């Protein structure tokens, strides 16, 4: 019984029909003769195909690197877009966010433009108050004087250049240079060199402030270049549209209202008195 089991174990493994149990058969050699290539052997890849496959692998690797770089750049852009961009002034410790409709204060404008740590020796003080209502393209004047910390007028050792500028009340503020039409927004006297009184004559503003987001601007008088003279800032400066005059003007007298008597006057009459309105 044991012998039969051993014979079953050592039976020919190359030919299931072989009855030789002691392993002396030639089935193995016959199998090699009929099948010279073992099914477990691998075919060799031709050299040309090998070079092609290596090139393809390198190309795929380069593309993977490019895709990884693009994904990284896209993530950085997404972070910058999603987070509010902040402008940090390290010397002041001020953070100015992107433009918003919320107007800034006079103090914020001063710190943004002229550095809060600057120590000023002299100051500017108005001699005459600016007009309460300014129309575009209608001239007005502005007079200031240089004073010390005790508000006493002083004469500078060297003449200084002073300039007049307009800044938006947006956050951060922007220097206004041109109108919507492309012309200069401020014309007339915008710069003056003096050592005491600062007088800007015939200032013309060629744009209305209602076109801006905040509806008002800052009018700034400052020394150029920056010096120990503190700039003067007029806040909530509003410029309105100039009234238009028709070809024919109608003047109604109080005494003629009941009789509906209306006297038509040429526009030259109103043009002569327009600046007095």
Protein backbone atom coordinates (compact mmCIF):
# COMPACT_ATOMS: atom_id res chain seq x y z
CA UNK A 1 0.00 0.00 0.00
CA UNK A 2 2.82 2.37 0.88
CA UNK A 3 4.71 1.39 -2.25
CA UNK A 4 1.73 2.23 -4.43
CA UNK A 5 1.48 5.67 -2.76
CA UNK A 6 5.18 6.35 -3.42
CA UNK A 7 4.77 5.29 -7.04
CA UNK A 8 1.82 7.67 -7.39
CA UNK A 9 3.95 10.46 -6.10
CA UNK A 10 6.92 9.85 -8.43
CA UNK A 11 4.82 9.23 -11.53
CA UNK A 12 5.81 11.05 -14.71
CA UNK A 13 4.91 14.70 -14.55
CA UNK A 14 5.64 15.41 -18.21
CA UNK A 15 3.09 13.05 -19.70
CA UNK A 16 -0.10 12.10 -17.85
CA UNK A 17 -0.48 9.02 -20.09
CA UNK A 18 2.96 7.65 -19.20
CA UNK A 19 2.76 4.50 -17.03
CA UNK A 20 6.43 4.49 -16.02
CA UNK A 21 6.48 5.10 -12.31
CA UNK A 22 10.20 5.09 -11.52
CA UNK A 23 11.01 8.27 -13.48
CA UNK A 24 13.18 6.54 -16.10
CA UNK A 25 10.94 7.51 -19.02
CA UNK A 26 12.05 9.88 -21.76
CA UNK A 27 8.95 12.02 -21.71
CA UNK A 28 10.94 15.00 -20.56
CA UNK A 29 13.25 14.88 -23.57
CA UNK A 30 10.38 14.38 -25.94
CA UNK A 31 8.67 17.47 -24.50
CA UNK A 32 11.78 19.56 -25.08
CA UNK A 33 12.07 18.26 -28.60
CA UNK A 34 8.46 19.14 -29.42
CA UNK A 35 8.58 22.52 -27.60
CA UNK A 36 12.10 23.92 -27.81
CA UNK A 37 11.02 27.22 -26.16
CA UNK A 38 9.77 26.97 -22.63
CA UNK A 39 6.46 28.72 -22.00
CA UNK A 40 8.09 30.39 -19.01
CA UNK A 41 10.80 32.06 -21.09
CA UNK A 42 10.32 35.71 -22.11
CA UNK A 43 10.92 37.09 -25.55
CA UNK A 44 13.69 39.65 -25.89
CA UNK A 45 12.50 43.14 -26.89
CA UNK A 46 14.19 44.46 -30.05
CA UNK A 47 16.63 47.33 -29.51
CA UNK A 48 14.57 49.83 -31.54
CA UNK A 49 11.46 49.15 -29.47
CA UNK A 50 13.48 49.40 -26.26
CA UNK A 51 14.75 52.86 -27.20
CA UNK A 52 11.19 53.93 -28.05
CA UNK A 53 9.83 52.72 -24.71
CA UNK A 54 12.61 54.48 -22.79
CA UNK A 55 11.80 57.72 -24.62
CA UNK A 56 8.11 57.35 -23.84
CA UNK A 57 8.87 56.79 -20.16
CA UNK A 58 11.02 59.92 -20.05
CA UNK A 59 8.30 61.94 -21.78
CA UNK A 60 5.67 60.72 -19.33
CA UNK A 61 7.97 61.59 -16.42
CA UNK A 62 8.52 65.12 -17.77
CA UNK A 63 4.79 65.60 -18.26
CA UNK A 64 4.12 64.49 -14.69
CA UNK A 65 6.64 67.06 -13.43
CA UNK A 66 5.01 69.81 -15.51
CA UNK A 67 1.55 68.87 -14.25
CA UNK A 68 2.80 68.96 -10.65
CA UNK A 69 4.32 72.42 -11.24
CA UNK A 70 1.08 73.70 -12.79
CA UNK A 71 -0.98 72.37 -9.88
CA UNK A 72 1.36 74.06 -7.39
CA UNK A 73 1.17 77.40 -9.22
CA UNK A 74 -2.62 77.16 -9.46
CA UNK A 75 -2.87 76.58 -5.71
CA UNK A 76 -0.72 79.65 -5.01
CA UNK A 77 -2.85 81.80 -7.32
CA UNK A 78 -6.04 80.52 -5.70
CA UNK A 79 -4.71 81.40 -2.24
CA UNK A 80 -3.81 84.93 -3.35
CA UNK A 81 -7.20 85.45 -4.97
CA UNK A 82 -9.21 84.09 -2.05
CA UNK A 83 -7.35 85.99 0.65
CA UNK A 84 -7.55 89.84 0.76
CA UNK A 85 -4.36 91.38 -0.49
CA UNK A 86 -2.75 93.48 2.25
CA UNK A 87 -0.17 96.20 1.89
CA UNK A 88 2.09 96.32 4.90
CA UNK A 89 4.07 99.41 5.73
CA UNK A 90 6.74 98.04 8.05
CA UNK A 91 7.89 101.41 9.32
CA UNK A 92 4.35 102.40 10.31
CA UNK A 93 2.77 99.05 11.02
CA UNK A 94 -0.21 100.03 8.86
CA UNK A 95 -2.19 97.53 6.81
CA UNK A 96 -4.05 98.92 3.79
CA UNK A 97 -6.47 96.44 2.18
CA UNK A 98 -7.72 96.39 -1.36
CA UNK A 99 -9.83 99.24 -2.65
CA UNK A 100 -13.12 99.48 -0.79
CA UNK A 101 -16.04 101.88 -0.90
CA UNK A 102 -15.55 102.76 2.75
CA UNK A 103 -13.83 106.18 2.87
CA UNK A 104 -10.64 106.66 4.82
CA UNK A 105 -9.99 109.38 7.37
CA UNK A 106 -7.67 112.36 7.12
CA UNK A 107 -5.29 110.70 9.60
CA UNK A 108 -5.12 107.50 7.55
CA UNK A 109 -4.29 109.48 4.41
CA UNK A 110 -1.55 111.37 6.22
CA UNK A 111 0.01 108.17 7.55
CA UNK A 112 -0.28 106.45 4.18
CA UNK A 113 1.40 109.26 2.24
CA UNK A 114 3.79 110.95 4.63
CA UNK A 115 4.88 108.39 7.29
CA UNK A 116 3.56 108.82 10.81
CA UNK A 117 6.99 108.88 12.46
CA UNK A 118 8.05 112.05 10.62
CA UNK A 119 8.55 114.94 13.03
CA UNK A 120 7.36 118.20 11.51
CA UNK A 121 8.92 121.53 12.44
CA UNK A 122 6.64 123.74 10.38
CA UNK A 123 2.99 123.62 9.43
CA UNK A 124 0.61 125.14 6.88
CA UNK A 125 -2.34 127.25 7.95
CA UNK A 126 -5.16 128.63 5.82
CA UNK A 127 -5.30 132.38 5.30
CA UNK A 128 -8.67 132.29 3.58
CA UNK A 129 -11.22 129.51 3.77
CA UNK A 130 -11.79 127.57 0.54
CA UNK A 131 -15.19 128.11 -1.11
CA UNK A 132 -17.94 126.01 0.40
CA UNK A 133 -19.08 124.97 -3.06
CA UNK A 134 -16.73 124.38 -5.99
CA UNK A 135 -17.88 123.87 -9.57
CA UNK A 136 -15.85 122.09 -12.19
CA UNK A 137 -13.95 124.35 -14.59
CA UNK A 138 -14.67 127.40 -12.44
CA UNK A 139 -11.56 129.02 -10.98
CA UNK A 140 -11.00 129.54 -7.28
CA UNK A 141 -8.01 130.54 -5.15
CA UNK A 142 -6.40 129.14 -2.04
CA UNK A 143 -3.98 130.93 0.30
CA UNK A 144 -1.90 129.45 3.12
CA UNK A 145 1.05 130.51 5.22
CA UNK A 146 3.92 128.65 6.86
CA UNK A 147 3.80 128.69 10.68
CA UNK A 148 5.77 127.15 13.52
CA UNK A 149 4.46 124.93 16.31
CA UNK A 150 3.12 128.05 18.07
CA UNK A 151 1.18 129.03 14.91
CA UNK A 152 3.37 132.05 14.33
CA UNK A 153 4.18 132.90 10.69
CA UNK A 154 7.75 132.13 9.70
CA UNK A 155 9.99 132.73 6.71
CA UNK A 156 11.92 129.71 5.51
CA UNK A 157 15.66 129.96 4.98
CA UNK A 158 15.31 128.59 1.45
CA UNK A 159 12.28 128.84 -0.85
CA UNK A 160 10.32 125.61 -0.99
CA UNK A 161 8.18 124.19 -3.79
CA UNK A 162 4.58 123.49 -2.79
CA UNK A 163 2.17 121.47 -4.90
CA UNK A 164 -1.59 120.98 -4.91
CA UNK A 165 -2.91 117.44 -5.41
CA UNK A 166 -6.18 115.53 -5.29
CA UNK A 167 -6.47 112.09 -3.71
CA UNK A 168 -9.44 109.75 -3.62
CA UNK A 169 -11.00 108.79 -0.30
CA UNK A 170 -10.79 105.10 -1.22
CA UNK A 171 -8.79 102.56 0.72
CA UNK A 172 -5.99 102.77 -0.32
CA UNK A 173 -6.09 106.35 -1.68
CA UNK A 174 -5.14 107.09 -5.28
CA UNK A 175 -3.57 110.20 -6.77
CA UNK A 176 -5.94 111.75 -9.32
CA UNK A 177 -4.14 112.95 -12.45
CA UNK A 178 -6.63 112.78 -15.32
CA UNK A 179 -10.38 113.05 -15.87
CA UNK A 180 -12.59 110.51 -17.55
CA UNK A 181 -11.99 112.40 -20.82
CA UNK A 182 -8.22 112.01 -20.43
CA UNK A 183 -7.49 115.69 -19.70
CA UNK A 184 -5.62 116.89 -16.63
CA UNK A 185 -7.94 116.86 -13.65
CA UNK A 186 -6.37 119.98 -12.09
CA UNK A 187 -5.16 122.93 -14.14
CA UNK A 188 -4.14 126.48 -13.40
CA UNK A 189 -1.71 127.13 -10.56
CA UNK A 190 -0.78 123.77 -9.05
CA UNK A 191 2.84 124.49 -8.03
CA UNK A 192 4.45 127.48 -6.40
CA UNK A 193 7.88 128.25 -4.94
CA UNK A 194 7.87 130.41 -1.84
CA UNK A 195 9.42 130.84 1.59
CA UNK A 196 6.37 132.13 3.49
CA UNK A 197 2.90 132.54 1.95
CA UNK A 198 1.58 129.80 -0.32
CA UNK A 199 -0.95 131.21 -2.77
CA UNK A 200 -2.59 129.13 -5.50
CA UNK A 201 -4.48 131.37 -7.92
CA UNK A 202 -7.01 130.32 -10.53
CA UNK A 203 -7.26 126.65 -9.63
CA UNK A 204 -9.46 124.76 -12.08
CA UNK A 205 -10.80 121.29 -11.36
CA UNK A 206 -12.07 119.65 -14.53
CA UNK A 207 -14.03 116.75 -13.05
CA UNK A 208 -16.97 116.35 -10.69
CA UNK A 209 -16.48 114.21 -7.60
CA UNK A 210 -19.81 112.44 -8.04
CA UNK A 211 -18.08 110.23 -10.63
CA UNK A 212 -15.91 108.76 -7.89
CA UNK A 213 -16.86 105.87 -5.59
CA UNK A 214 -16.86 107.93 -2.39
CA UNK A 215 -18.27 111.12 -3.94
CA UNK A 216 -15.57 113.33 -2.38
CA UNK A 217 -11.80 113.79 -2.51
CA UNK A 218 -8.92 115.03 -0.39
CA UNK A 219 -7.27 118.28 -1.48
CA UNK A 220 -3.64 118.10 -0.34
CA UNK A 221 -1.04 120.89 -0.25
CA UNK A 222 2.43 119.50 0.40
CA UNK A 223 6.09 120.42 0.05
CA UNK A 224 8.09 118.87 -2.78
CA UNK A 225 10.17 116.93 -1.99
CA UNK A 226 9.02 115.87 1.49
CA UNK A 227 10.43 118.10 4.19
CA UNK A 228 9.84 119.19 7.76
CA UNK A 229 6.68 121.05 6.67
CA UNK A 230 3.53 119.12 7.48
CA UNK A 231 1.13 118.82 4.51
CA UNK A 232 -2.27 120.48 4.74
CA UNK A 233 -5.24 118.24 3.96
CA UNK A 234 -8.78 119.41 3.20
CA UNK A 235 -11.18 116.50 3.59
CA UNK A 236 -14.58 115.91 1.99
CA UNK A 237 -13.75 118.24 -0.90
CA UNK A 238 -16.69 118.17 -3.32
CA UNK A 239 -16.77 119.46 -6.90
CA UNK A 240 -20.16 119.80 -8.57
CA UNK A 241 -21.13 120.16 -12.21
CA UNK A 242 -21.21 123.69 -13.54
CA UNK A 243 -24.69 125.01 -14.36
CA UNK A 244 -25.40 125.18 -18.07
CA UNK A 245 -26.92 128.29 -19.66
CA UNK A 246 -29.53 127.94 -22.41
CA UNK A 247 -29.54 130.07 -25.54
CA UNK A 248 -32.48 132.09 -24.24
CA UNK A 249 -32.87 133.03 -20.61
CA UNK A 250 -36.18 133.94 -19.02
CA UNK A 251 -36.30 136.43 -16.19
CA UNK A 252 -39.47 136.77 -14.20
CA UNK A 253 -40.13 139.85 -12.11
CA UNK A 254 -42.07 139.49 -8.91
CA UNK A 255 -44.47 142.26 -9.88
CA UNK A 256 -45.25 140.61 -13.21
CA UNK A 257 -46.03 137.15 -11.86
CA UNK A 258 -49.75 137.83 -11.50
CA UNK A 259 -50.03 139.23 -15.04
CA UNK A 260 -47.81 136.43 -16.40
CA UNK A 261 -45.62 139.09 -18.00
CA UNK A 262 -42.35 137.38 -18.90
CA UNK A 263 -39.35 139.24 -20.22
CA UNK A 264 -36.88 137.29 -22.35
CA UNK A 265 -33.28 138.33 -21.99
CA UNK A 266 -30.26 137.23 -24.07
CA UNK A 267 -27.81 134.81 -22.49
CA UNK A 268 -25.08 137.48 -22.48
CA UNK A 269 -26.88 139.12 -19.58
CA UNK A 270 -26.69 135.98 -17.46
CA UNK A 271 -23.12 135.25 -18.53
CA UNK A 272 -22.06 138.61 -17.10
CA UNK A 273 -23.66 137.80 -13.77
CA UNK A 274 -23.05 134.04 -13.65
CA UNK A 275 -19.99 134.24 -11.43
CA UNK A 276 -21.95 136.26 -8.91
CA UNK A 277 -24.56 133.52 -8.40
